[in-house]
Amino acid sequence: MFSLPKKVTIIEVGPRDGLQNEKNQVETDVKLEFIHLLKKSGVTEMELTSFVSPKWVPQMKDAKEIMEHADLVERSIVLAPNAKGVALAQEAGAKSIAVFVGVSNTFNQKNINRTTDESIEALAPIILKLKEDDVYVRACISTAFYCPYEGKIGIDDCIELCRRFVALGVDELSVADTIGMANPVESYELFTRLRQSFPSVLLTAHFHDTRKMALANIFASLQAGVDRFDTAAGGLGGCPFADGATGNVATEDVVNMLDSLAISTGIDVKQLCEAVEKIAPHVSRPIETGMYRLFENGRI
């Protein structure tokens, strides 16, 4: 009989990953209220914003204002893709910074105009300096299972990229099924290998719900011993480099599943849905997650 963890940490990524590619420009005060309600629901770790060029990601142009005025949770994370972004994040007071690299060379070249090797080499001195400054560093591993250009990614390639990040001293690996193509067997195999390879590093699973397999993949990851998951309230998000890729797995649906398994998250589903209700009128795609539909119908 397999064993499941008694407690799981949810890292809410809706305000950053969920909104960064949103077609509608979401006003800063709406984002701040969204963040406040997410915290009120019990979220303790959250990606708040991203310090990127507003030319390329206009939705994140208010990153400084978000950091100045947000009701911060215990671990408030910001994404910073390069040295300039890191400097701006630190100036804004960020104590937890996420960086990212895809396992797939082609994905990296399409996304940031660098190969995987070039990307990690550019990040290496940045990460080392962040650790000298006692900053929490989260390494986001994109295309860990499949790439929209290269297809299936070799498990050893993913582990090797993670190994390079761990050697630089990162605190956390967030390993992503970026285009939502993984299945539960693949999820179990990869996260079992990762836990065996890096037992002292926080390991987080990040699933998209393109084929409605995200909850099954999370259950398989639980069986592999993973107890940290990236999720987005309302199932917000998506990958602009992958046609048909839908949003992140919905926080409210994950929390509901974990509640049913007697696994504690510290998050209240009804209050979480109130946060979704706040953001729903401001995004371009209707929110149709299972628990939010029940909330709208007055059933939770």
C-alpha atoms as a PDB file:
ATOM      1  CA  MET A   1       0.000   0.000   0.000  1.00  0.00           C
ATOM      2  CA  PHE A   2       1.375   3.405  -0.968  1.00  0.00           C
ATOM      3  CA  SER A   3       1.620   6.200   1.569  1.00  0.00           C
ATOM      4  CA  LEU A   4       0.562   9.811   1.100  1.00  0.00           C
ATOM      5  CA  PRO A   5       1.808  12.908   2.939  1.00  0.00           C
ATOM      6  CA  LYS A   6      -0.292  14.288   5.781  1.00  0.00           C
ATOM      7  CA  LYS A   7       0.372  17.874   4.727  1.00  0.00           C
ATOM      8  CA  VAL A   8       0.978  19.587   1.375  1.00  0.00           C
ATOM      9  CA  THR A   9       2.210  23.090   0.624  1.00  0.00           C
ATOM     10  CA  ILE A  10       0.435  24.942  -2.169  1.00  0.00           C
ATOM     11  CA  ILE A  11       2.439  27.609  -3.995  1.00  0.00           C
ATOM     12  CA  GLU A  12      -0.145  29.930  -5.524  1.00  0.00           C
ATOM     13  CA  VAL A  13       1.102  31.169  -8.913  1.00  0.00           C
ATOM     14  CA  GLY A  14      -2.050  32.917 -10.159  1.00  0.00           C
ATOM     15  CA  PRO A  15      -0.930  36.543  -9.684  1.00  0.00           C
ATOM     16  CA  ARG A  16       2.262  35.946 -11.694  1.00  0.00           C
ATOM     17  CA  ASP A  17       2.148  32.858 -13.911  1.00  0.00           C
ATOM     18  CA  GLY A  18      -1.614  33.017 -14.139  1.00  0.00           C
ATOM     19  CA  LEU A  19      -1.808  36.630 -15.298  1.00  0.00           C
ATOM     20  CA  GLN A  20       1.446  37.285 -17.159  1.00  0.00           C
ATOM     21  CA  ASN A  21       0.024  36.287 -20.566  1.00  0.00           C
ATOM     22  CA  GLU A  22      -3.522  37.471 -19.920  1.00  0.00           C
ATOM     23  CA  LYS A  23      -4.886  39.430 -22.906  1.00  0.00           C
ATOM     24  CA  ASN A  24      -6.871  41.856 -20.772  1.00  0.00           C
ATOM     25  CA  GLN A  25      -4.758  44.345 -18.838  1.00  0.00           C
ATOM     26  CA  VAL A  26      -5.617  43.707 -15.194  1.00  0.00           C
ATOM     27  CA  GLU A  27      -5.427  46.850 -13.078  1.00  0.00           C
ATOM     28  CA  THR A  28      -2.981  46.960 -10.186  1.00  0.00           C
ATOM     29  CA  ASP A  29      -5.651  47.459  -7.528  1.00  0.00           C
ATOM     30  CA  VAL A  30      -7.481  44.358  -8.776  1.00  0.00           C
ATOM     31  CA  LYS A  31      -4.264  42.309  -8.571  1.00  0.00           C
ATOM     32  CA  LEU A  32      -3.635  43.584  -5.045  1.00  0.00           C
ATOM     33  CA  GLU A  33      -7.123  42.629  -3.884  1.00  0.00           C
ATOM     34  CA  PHE A  34      -6.707  39.218  -5.567  1.00  0.00           C
ATOM     35  CA  ILE A  35      -3.449  38.701  -3.665  1.00  0.00           C
ATOM     36  CA  HIS A  36      -5.052  39.844  -0.405  1.00  0.00           C
ATOM     37  CA  LEU A  37      -7.956  37.388  -0.789  1.00  0.00           C
ATOM     38  CA  LEU A  38      -5.603  34.546  -1.665  1.00  0.00           C
ATOM     39  CA  LYS A  39      -3.653  35.212   1.511  1.00  0.00           C
ATOM     40  CA  LYS A  40      -6.913  35.374   3.479  1.00  0.00           C
ATOM     41  CA  SER A  41      -7.810  31.904   2.192  1.00  0.00           C
ATOM     42  CA  GLY A  42      -4.697  30.497   3.856  1.00  0.00           C
ATOM     43  CA  VAL A  43      -2.077  30.638   1.099  1.00  0.00           C
ATOM     44  CA  THR A  44       1.412  30.994   2.631  1.00  0.00           C
ATOM     45  CA  GLU A  45       3.622  30.844  -0.493  1.00  0.00           C
ATOM     46  CA  MET A  46       2.832  32.843  -3.616  1.00  0.00           C
ATOM     47  CA  GLU A  47       4.340  34.092  -6.860  1.00  0.00           C
ATOM     48  CA  LEU A  48       3.348  37.771  -6.795  1.00  0.00           C
ATOM     49  CA  THR A  49       4.787  39.280  -9.957  1.00  0.00           C
ATOM     50  CA  SER A  50       7.691  39.316 -12.384  1.00  0.00           C
ATOM     51  CA  PHE A  51      10.440  41.847 -13.005  1.00  0.00           C
ATOM     52  CA  VAL A  52      10.586  41.560 -16.783  1.00  0.00           C
ATOM     53  CA  SER A  53      10.607  44.033 -19.629  1.00  0.00           C
ATOM     54  CA  PRO A  54       7.167  45.669 -19.933  1.00  0.00           C
ATOM     55  CA  LYS A  55       7.781  45.698 -23.687  1.00  0.00           C
ATOM     56  CA  TRP A  56       7.578  41.902 -23.753  1.00  0.00           C
ATOM     57  CA  VAL A  57       5.267  41.285 -20.779  1.00  0.00           C
ATOM     58  CA  PRO A  58       3.088  44.391 -20.341  1.00  0.00           C
ATOM     59  CA  GLN A  59       0.898  42.644 -17.772  1.00  0.00           C
ATOM     60  CA  MET A  60       3.815  42.767 -15.311  1.00  0.00           C
ATOM     61  CA  LYS A  61       4.694  46.443 -15.748  1.00  0.00           C
ATOM     62  CA  ASP A  62       3.414  47.207 -12.246  1.00  0.00           C
ATOM     63  CA  ALA A  63       5.820  44.809 -10.496  1.00  0.00           C
ATOM     64  CA  LYS A  64       7.314  47.525  -8.295  1.00  0.00           C
ATOM     65  CA  GLU A  65       3.870  48.749  -7.189  1.00  0.00           C
ATOM     66  CA  ILE A  66       2.774  45.198  -6.409  1.00  0.00           C
ATOM     67  CA  MET A  67       5.789  44.675  -4.175  1.00  0.00           C
ATOM     68  CA  GLU A  68       5.247  48.017  -2.453  1.00  0.00           C
ATOM     69  CA  HIS A  69       1.564  47.520  -1.667  1.00  0.00           C
ATOM     70  CA  ALA A  70       0.814  43.779  -1.621  1.00  0.00           C
ATOM     71  CA  ASP A  71      -0.204  42.058   1.585  1.00  0.00           C
ATOM     72  CA  LEU A  72       2.817  39.752   1.582  1.00  0.00           C
ATOM     73  CA  VAL A  73       2.555  36.088   2.543  1.00  0.00           C
ATOM     74  CA  GLU A  74       5.241  34.119   4.401  1.00  0.00           C
ATOM     75  CA  ARG A  75       7.145  33.433   1.177  1.00  0.00           C
ATOM     76  CA  SER A  76       6.407  36.040  -1.487  1.00  0.00           C
ATOM     77  CA  ILE A  77       8.196  35.066  -4.697  1.00  0.00           C
ATOM     78  CA  VAL A  78       8.964  37.190  -7.742  1.00  0.00           C
ATOM     79  CA  LEU A  79      10.291  35.993 -11.075  1.00  0.00           C
ATOM     80  CA  ALA A  80      13.406  37.645 -12.483  1.00  0.00           C
ATOM     81  CA  PRO A  81      14.843  36.236 -15.738  1.00  0.00           C
ATOM     82  CA  ASN A  82      18.179  38.059 -15.821  1.00  0.00           C
ATOM     83  CA  ALA A  83      20.595  40.293 -13.915  1.00  0.00           C
ATOM     84  CA  LYS A  84      18.598  43.451 -14.571  1.00  0.00           C
ATOM     85  CA  GLY A  85      15.386  41.854 -13.337  1.00  0.00           C
ATOM     86  CA  VAL A  86      17.125  40.505 -10.241  1.00  0.00           C
ATOM     87  CA  ALA A  87      18.535  43.948  -9.428  1.00  0.00           C
ATOM     88  CA  LEU A  88      15.086  45.529  -9.736  1.00  0.00           C
ATOM     89  CA  ALA A  89      13.531  42.775  -7.630  1.00  0.00           C
ATOM     90  CA  GLN A  90      16.081  43.257  -4.862  1.00  0.00           C
ATOM     91  CA  GLU A  91      15.627  47.026  -4.969  1.00  0.00           C
ATOM     92  CA  ALA A  92      11.916  46.388  -4.422  1.00  0.00           C
ATOM     93  CA  GLY A  93      12.714  44.279  -1.356  1.00  0.00           C
ATOM     94  CA  ALA A  94      12.259  40.773  -2.750  1.00  0.00           C
ATOM     95  CA  LYS A  95      13.641  38.058  -0.467  1.00  0.00           C
ATOM     96  CA  SER A  96      12.582  35.122  -2.655  1.00  0.00           C
ATOM     97  CA  ILE A  97      13.410  35.137  -6.372  1.00  0.00           C
ATOM     98  CA  ALA A  98      12.570  32.642  -9.093  1.00  0.00           C
ATOM     99  CA  VAL A  99      14.651  32.056 -12.214  1.00  0.00           C
ATOM    100  CA  PHE A 100      13.801  29.748 -15.082  1.00  0.00           C
ATOM    101  CA  VAL A 101      15.335  27.580 -17.802  1.00  0.00           C
ATOM    102  CA  GLY A 102      13.714  25.026 -20.086  1.00  0.00           C
ATOM    103  CA  VAL A 103      15.177  21.564 -20.553  1.00  0.00           C
ATOM    104  CA  SER A 104      14.457  21.921 -24.277  1.00  0.00           C
ATOM    105  CA  ASN A 105      17.013  23.892 -26.295  1.00  0.00           C
ATOM    106  CA  THR A 106      14.427  24.899 -28.873  1.00  0.00           C
ATOM    107  CA  PHE A 107      11.977  26.115 -26.254  1.00  0.00           C
ATOM    108  CA  ASN A 108      14.678  28.282 -24.677  1.00  0.00           C
ATOM    109  CA  GLN A 109      15.718  29.718 -28.028  1.00  0.00           C
ATOM    110  CA  LYS A 110      12.119  30.574 -28.914  1.00  0.00           C
ATOM    111  CA  ASN A 111      11.487  32.019 -25.457  1.00  0.00           C
ATOM    112  CA  ILE A 112      14.683  33.831 -24.453  1.00  0.00           C
ATOM    113  CA  ASN A 113      16.908  33.463 -27.533  1.00  0.00           C
ATOM    114  CA  ARG A 114      19.440  31.243 -25.732  1.00  0.00           C
ATOM    115  CA  THR A 115      20.200  27.530 -25.609  1.00  0.00           C
ATOM    116  CA  THR A 116      19.798  25.629 -22.366  1.00  0.00           C
ATOM    117  CA  ASP A 117      23.561  25.697 -21.765  1.00  0.00           C
ATOM    118  CA  GLU A 118      23.785  29.421 -22.504  1.00  0.00           C
ATOM    119  CA  SER A 119      20.858  30.076 -20.168  1.00  0.00           C
ATOM    120  CA  ILE A 120      22.301  28.239 -17.190  1.00  0.00           C
ATOM    121  CA  GLU A 121      25.742  29.765 -17.755  1.00  0.00           C
ATOM    122  CA  ALA A 122      24.220  33.252 -17.724  1.00  0.00           C
ATOM    123  CA  LEU A 123      22.280  32.511 -14.540  1.00  0.00           C
ATOM    124  CA  ALA A 124      25.154  30.875 -12.638  1.00  0.00           C
ATOM    125  CA  PRO A 125      26.860  34.059 -11.342  1.00  0.00           C
ATOM    126  CA  ILE A 126      23.461  35.612 -10.590  1.00  0.00           C
ATOM    127  CA  ILE A 127      22.398  32.657  -8.458  1.00  0.00           C
ATOM    128  CA  LEU A 128      25.717  32.503  -6.634  1.00  0.00           C
ATOM    129  CA  LYS A 129      25.437  36.198  -5.790  1.00  0.00           C
ATOM    130  CA  LEU A 130      21.839  35.794  -4.617  1.00  0.00           C
ATOM    131  CA  LYS A 131      22.882  33.021  -2.270  1.00  0.00           C
ATOM    132  CA  GLU A 132      25.692  35.228  -0.929  1.00  0.00           C
ATOM    133  CA  ASP A 133      22.966  37.791  -0.183  1.00  0.00           C
ATOM    134  CA  ASP A 134      20.920  35.101   1.608  1.00  0.00           C
ATOM    135  CA  VAL A 135      18.095  35.263  -0.943  1.00  0.00           C
ATOM    136  CA  TYR A 136      15.792  32.263  -1.376  1.00  0.00           C
ATOM    137  CA  VAL A 137      16.224  31.000  -4.944  1.00  0.00           C
ATOM    138  CA  ARG A 138      13.567  29.004  -6.750  1.00  0.00           C
ATOM    139  CA  ALA A 139      14.630  27.370 -10.031  1.00  0.00           C
ATOM    140  CA  CYS A 140      11.741  26.828 -12.435  1.00  0.00           C
ATOM    141  CA  ILE A 141      12.399  23.954 -14.849  1.00  0.00           C
ATOM    142  CA  SER A 142      10.239  24.341 -17.975  1.00  0.00           C
ATOM    143  CA  THR A 143       9.434  21.578 -20.494  1.00  0.00           C
ATOM    144  CA  ALA A 144      10.435  18.850 -18.042  1.00  0.00           C
ATOM    145  CA  PHE A 145       8.236  16.263 -19.768  1.00  0.00           C
ATOM    146  CA  TYR A 146       7.366  17.486 -23.255  1.00  0.00           C
ATOM    147  CA  CYS A 147       8.293  20.396 -25.536  1.00  0.00           C
ATOM    148  CA  PRO A 148       5.968  21.902 -28.162  1.00  0.00           C
ATOM    149  CA  TYR A 149       8.874  21.809 -30.642  1.00  0.00           C
ATOM    150  CA  GLU A 150      10.978  18.785 -29.667  1.00  0.00           C
ATOM    151  CA  GLY A 151       8.334  16.410 -28.326  1.00  0.00           C
ATOM    152  CA  LYS A 152       9.115  14.096 -25.415  1.00  0.00           C
ATOM    153  CA  ILE A 153      12.001  15.172 -23.180  1.00  0.00           C
ATOM    154  CA  GLY A 154      14.431  12.592 -21.868  1.00  0.00           C
ATOM    155  CA  ILE A 155      14.219  12.065 -18.115  1.00  0.00           C
ATOM    156  CA  ASP A 156      18.012  12.149 -17.809  1.00  0.00           C
ATOM    157  CA  ASP A 157      18.118  15.541 -19.547  1.00  0.00           C
ATOM    158  CA  CYS A 158      15.701  16.970 -16.980  1.00  0.00           C
ATOM    159  CA  ILE A 159      17.665  15.516 -14.074  1.00  0.00           C
ATOM    160  CA  GLU A 160      20.934  16.887 -15.447  1.00  0.00           C
ATOM    161  CA  LEU A 161      19.543  20.423 -15.684  1.00  0.00           C
ATOM    162  CA  CYS A 162      18.233  20.118 -12.124  1.00  0.00           C
ATOM    163  CA  ARG A 163      21.652  18.880 -11.023  1.00  0.00           C
ATOM    164  CA  ARG A 164      23.290  22.007 -12.432  1.00  0.00           C
ATOM    165  CA  PHE A 165      20.879  24.218 -10.496  1.00  0.00           C
ATOM    166  CA  VAL A 166      21.399  22.251  -7.288  1.00  0.00           C
ATOM    167  CA  ALA A 167      25.175  22.610  -7.692  1.00  0.00           C
ATOM    168  CA  LEU A 168      24.656  26.383  -7.707  1.00  0.00           C
ATOM    169  CA  GLY A 169      22.873  26.200  -4.365  1.00  0.00           C
ATOM    170  CA  VAL A 170      19.218  26.808  -5.262  1.00  0.00           C
ATOM    171  CA  ASP A 171      16.706  26.209  -2.494  1.00  0.00           C
ATOM    172  CA  GLU A 172      13.869  24.836  -4.601  1.00  0.00           C
ATOM    173  CA  LEU A 173      13.246  23.074  -7.902  1.00  0.00           C
ATOM    174  CA  SER A 174       9.856  23.744  -9.475  1.00  0.00           C
ATOM    175  CA  VAL A 175       9.564  21.143 -12.227  1.00  0.00           C
ATOM    176  CA  ALA A 176       6.920  21.873 -14.833  1.00  0.00           C
ATOM    177  CA  ASP A 177       4.756  19.998 -17.292  1.00  0.00           C
ATOM    178  CA  THR A 178       4.676  23.228 -19.282  1.00  0.00           C
ATOM    179  CA  ILE A 179       2.298  22.146 -22.046  1.00  0.00           C
ATOM    180  CA  GLY A 180       0.214  19.696 -20.023  1.00  0.00           C
ATOM    181  CA  MET A 181       1.142  16.509 -21.862  1.00  0.00           C
ATOM    182  CA  ALA A 182       2.506  14.324 -19.054  1.00  0.00           C
ATOM    183  CA  ASN A 183       0.690  11.251 -17.800  1.00  0.00           C
ATOM    184  CA  PRO A 184       0.639   9.839 -14.247  1.00  0.00           C
ATOM    185  CA  VAL A 185       3.221   7.121 -14.927  1.00  0.00           C
ATOM    186  CA  GLU A 186       5.650   9.690 -16.343  1.00  0.00           C
ATOM    187  CA  SER A 187       4.993  11.970 -13.376  1.00  0.00           C
ATOM    188  CA  TYR A 188       5.630   9.198 -10.870  1.00  0.00           C
ATOM    189  CA  GLU A 189       8.837   8.132 -12.617  1.00  0.00           C
ATOM    190  CA  LEU A 190      10.333  11.612 -12.945  1.00  0.00           C
ATOM    191  CA  PHE A 191       9.539  12.777  -9.423  1.00  0.00           C
ATOM    192  CA  THR A 192      10.708   9.499  -7.913  1.00  0.00           C
ATOM    193  CA  ARG A 193      14.053   9.962  -9.684  1.00  0.00           C
ATOM    194  CA  LEU A 194      14.260  13.617  -8.656  1.00  0.00           C
ATOM    195  CA  ARG A 195      13.574  12.853  -4.987  1.00  0.00           C
ATOM    196  CA  GLN A 196      16.218  10.162  -5.016  1.00  0.00           C
ATOM    197  CA  SER A 197      18.732  12.445  -6.748  1.00  0.00           C
ATOM    198  CA  PHE A 198      18.152  15.616  -4.689  1.00  0.00           C
ATOM    199  CA  PRO A 199      16.853  14.673  -1.234  1.00  0.00           C
ATOM    200  CA  SER A 200      17.944  17.941   0.422  1.00  0.00           C
ATOM    201  CA  VAL A 201      16.287  20.364  -2.029  1.00  0.00           C
ATOM    202  CA  LEU A 202      12.642  21.402  -1.896  1.00  0.00           C
ATOM    203  CA  LEU A 203      10.889  19.726  -4.830  1.00  0.00           C
ATOM    204  CA  THR A 204       7.734  21.228  -6.312  1.00  0.00           C
ATOM    205  CA  ALA A 205       5.558  19.827  -9.103  1.00  0.00           C
ATOM    206  CA  HIS A 206       3.946  22.218 -11.569  1.00  0.00           C
ATOM    207  CA  PHE A 207       1.188  20.849 -13.821  1.00  0.00           C
ATOM    208  CA  HIS A 208      -0.919  22.378 -16.565  1.00  0.00           C
ATOM    209  CA  ASP A 209      -4.333  20.930 -17.323  1.00  0.00           C
ATOM    210  CA  THR A 210      -4.338  20.802 -21.129  1.00  0.00           C
ATOM    211  CA  ARG A 211      -5.634  17.210 -21.278  1.00  0.00           C
ATOM    212  CA  LYS A 212      -7.430  17.254 -17.914  1.00  0.00           C
ATOM    213  CA  MET A 213      -4.699  15.040 -16.447  1.00  0.00           C
ATOM    214  CA  ALA A 214      -3.308  17.465 -13.877  1.00  0.00           C
ATOM    215  CA  LEU A 215      -5.130  16.043 -10.839  1.00  0.00           C
ATOM    216  CA  ALA A 216      -4.120  12.515 -11.830  1.00  0.00           C
ATOM    217  CA  ASN A 217      -0.529  13.693 -12.228  1.00  0.00           C
ATOM    218  CA  ILE A 218      -0.639  15.337  -8.807  1.00  0.00           C
ATOM    219  CA  PHE A 219      -1.909  12.119  -7.245  1.00  0.00           C
ATOM    220  CA  ALA A 220       0.928  10.187  -8.904  1.00  0.00           C
ATOM    221  CA  SER A 221       3.410  12.773  -7.621  1.00  0.00           C
ATOM    222  CA  LEU A 222       2.008  12.433  -4.102  1.00  0.00           C
ATOM    223  CA  GLN A 223       2.718   8.710  -4.356  1.00  0.00           C
ATOM    224  CA  ALA A 224       6.281   9.596  -5.393  1.00  0.00           C
ATOM    225  CA  GLY A 225       6.640  11.618  -2.198  1.00  0.00           C
ATOM    226  CA  VAL A 226       6.102  15.150  -3.521  1.00  0.00           C
ATOM    227  CA  ASP A 227       4.423  17.460  -1.016  1.00  0.00           C
ATOM    228  CA  ARG A 228       4.680  20.825  -2.791  1.00  0.00           C
ATOM    229  CA  PHE A 229       2.600  21.897  -5.800  1.00  0.00           C
ATOM    230  CA  ASP A 230       2.306  25.031  -7.930  1.00  0.00           C
ATOM    231  CA  THR A 231      -1.330  25.864  -8.674  1.00  0.00           C
ATOM    232  CA  ALA A 232      -3.269  28.884  -9.920  1.00  0.00           C
ATOM    233  CA  ALA A 233      -6.616  29.998  -8.553  1.00  0.00           C
ATOM    234  CA  GLY A 234      -9.242  29.739 -11.263  1.00  0.00           C
ATOM    235  CA  GLY A 235      -6.916  27.643 -13.434  1.00  0.00           C
ATOM    236  CA  LEU A 236      -5.404  30.864 -14.750  1.00  0.00           C
ATOM    237  CA  GLY A 237      -2.470  30.906 -17.109  1.00  0.00           C
ATOM    238  CA  GLY A 238      -1.158  29.123 -20.160  1.00  0.00           C
ATOM    239  CA  CYS A 239       1.939  28.890 -22.292  1.00  0.00           C
ATOM    240  CA  PRO A 240       2.173  31.406 -25.169  1.00  0.00           C
ATOM    241  CA  PHE A 241       4.714  29.185 -26.943  1.00  0.00           C
ATOM    242  CA  ALA A 242       2.488  26.090 -27.019  1.00  0.00           C
ATOM    243  CA  ASP A 243      -0.668  26.091 -29.128  1.00  0.00           C
ATOM    244  CA  GLY A 244      -3.613  24.685 -27.220  1.00  0.00           C
ATOM    245  CA  ALA A 245      -1.887  24.603 -23.833  1.00  0.00           C
ATOM    246  CA  THR A 246      -4.407  25.599 -21.204  1.00  0.00           C
ATOM    247  CA  GLY A 247      -3.895  27.103 -17.789  1.00  0.00           C
ATOM    248  CA  ASN A 248      -2.316  25.854 -14.615  1.00  0.00           C
ATOM    249  CA  VAL A 249      -4.174  23.304 -12.543  1.00  0.00           C
ATOM    250  CA  ALA A 250      -6.770  25.153 -10.463  1.00  0.00           C
ATOM    251  CA  THR A 251      -5.893  25.721  -6.812  1.00  0.00           C
ATOM    252  CA  GLU A 252      -9.489  25.226  -5.693  1.00  0.00           C
ATOM    253  CA  ASP A 253      -9.740  21.824  -7.398  1.00  0.00           C
ATOM    254  CA  VAL A 254      -6.388  20.671  -5.992  1.00  0.00           C
ATOM    255  CA  VAL A 255      -7.288  21.760  -2.460  1.00  0.00           C
ATOM    256  CA  ASN A 256     -10.648  20.002  -2.756  1.00  0.00           C
ATOM    257  CA  MET A 257      -8.960  16.756  -3.849  1.00  0.00           C
ATOM    258  CA  LEU A 258      -6.429  16.970  -1.031  1.00  0.00           C
ATOM    259  CA  ASP A 259      -9.173  17.732   1.500  1.00  0.00           C
ATOM    260  CA  SER A 260     -10.995  14.579   0.359  1.00  0.00           C
ATOM    261  CA  LEU A 261      -7.803  12.590   0.977  1.00  0.00           C
ATOM    262  CA  ALA A 262      -7.428  14.058   4.497  1.00  0.00           C
ATOM    263  CA  ILE A 263      -4.273  15.891   3.405  1.00  0.00           C
ATOM    264  CA  SER A 264      -3.949  19.292   5.056  1.00  0.00           C
ATOM    265  CA  THR A 265      -3.155  22.448   3.059  1.00  0.00           C
ATOM    266  CA  GLY A 266      -4.347  25.125   5.487  1.00  0.00           C
ATOM    267  CA  ILE A 267      -6.418  26.661   2.671  1.00  0.00           C
ATOM    268  CA  ASP A 268     -10.164  27.251   2.809  1.00  0.00           C
ATOM    269  CA  VAL A 269     -11.837  26.387  -0.516  1.00  0.00           C
ATOM    270  CA  LYS A 270     -14.755  28.786  -0.121  1.00  0.00           C
ATOM    271  CA  GLN A 271     -12.504  31.748   0.642  1.00  0.00           C
ATOM    272  CA  LEU A 272     -10.281  30.690  -2.248  1.00  0.00           C
ATOM    273  CA  CYS A 273     -13.275  30.823  -4.567  1.00  0.00           C
ATOM    274  CA  GLU A 274     -13.984  34.342  -3.300  1.00  0.00           C
ATOM    275  CA  ALA A 275     -10.528  35.292  -4.605  1.00  0.00           C
ATOM    276  CA  VAL A 276     -11.391  33.694  -7.953  1.00  0.00           C
ATOM    277  CA  GLU A 277     -14.663  35.629  -7.995  1.00  0.00           C
ATOM    278  CA  LYS A 278     -12.653  38.852  -7.655  1.00  0.00           C
ATOM    279  CA  ILE A 279     -10.391  38.163 -10.626  1.00  0.00           C
ATOM    280  CA  ALA A 280     -12.953  36.439 -12.883  1.00  0.00           C
ATOM    281  CA  PRO A 281     -14.505  39.602 -14.456  1.00  0.00           C
ATOM    282  CA  HIS A 282     -11.058  40.911 -15.393  1.00  0.00           C
ATOM    283  CA  VAL A 283      -9.696  37.989 -17.402  1.00  0.00           C
ATOM    284  CA  SER A 284     -10.448  37.099 -20.993  1.00  0.00           C
ATOM    285  CA  ARG A 285     -11.312  33.429 -20.536  1.00  0.00           C
ATOM    286  CA  PRO A 286     -14.330  32.214 -18.535  1.00  0.00           C
ATOM    287  CA  ILE A 287     -13.390  30.435 -15.331  1.00  0.00           C
ATOM    288  CA  GLU A 288     -15.019  27.024 -15.366  1.00  0.00           C
ATOM    289  CA  THR A 289     -13.161  24.996 -12.761  1.00  0.00           C
ATOM    290  CA  GLY A 290     -15.186  22.393 -10.901  1.00  0.00           C
ATOM    291  CA  MET A 291     -15.120  23.931  -7.450  1.00  0.00           C
ATOM    292  CA  TYR A 292     -15.707  27.457  -8.740  1.00  0.00           C
ATOM    293  CA  ARG A 293     -18.842  26.313 -10.590  1.00  0.00           C
ATOM    294  CA  LEU A 294     -20.114  24.809  -7.343  1.00  0.00           C
ATOM    295  CA  PHE A 295     -19.316  28.077  -5.548  1.00  0.00           C
ATOM    296  CA  GLU A 296     -21.224  30.109  -8.155  1.00  0.00           C
ATOM    297  CA  ASN A 297     -24.208  27.813  -7.710  1.00  0.00           C
ATOM    298  CA  GLY A 298     -24.158  28.251  -3.948  1.00  0.00           C
ATOM    299  CA  ARG A 299     -23.176  24.637  -3.261  1.00  0.00           C
ATOM    300  CA  ILE A 300     -20.070  25.376  -1.203  1.00  0.00           C
END
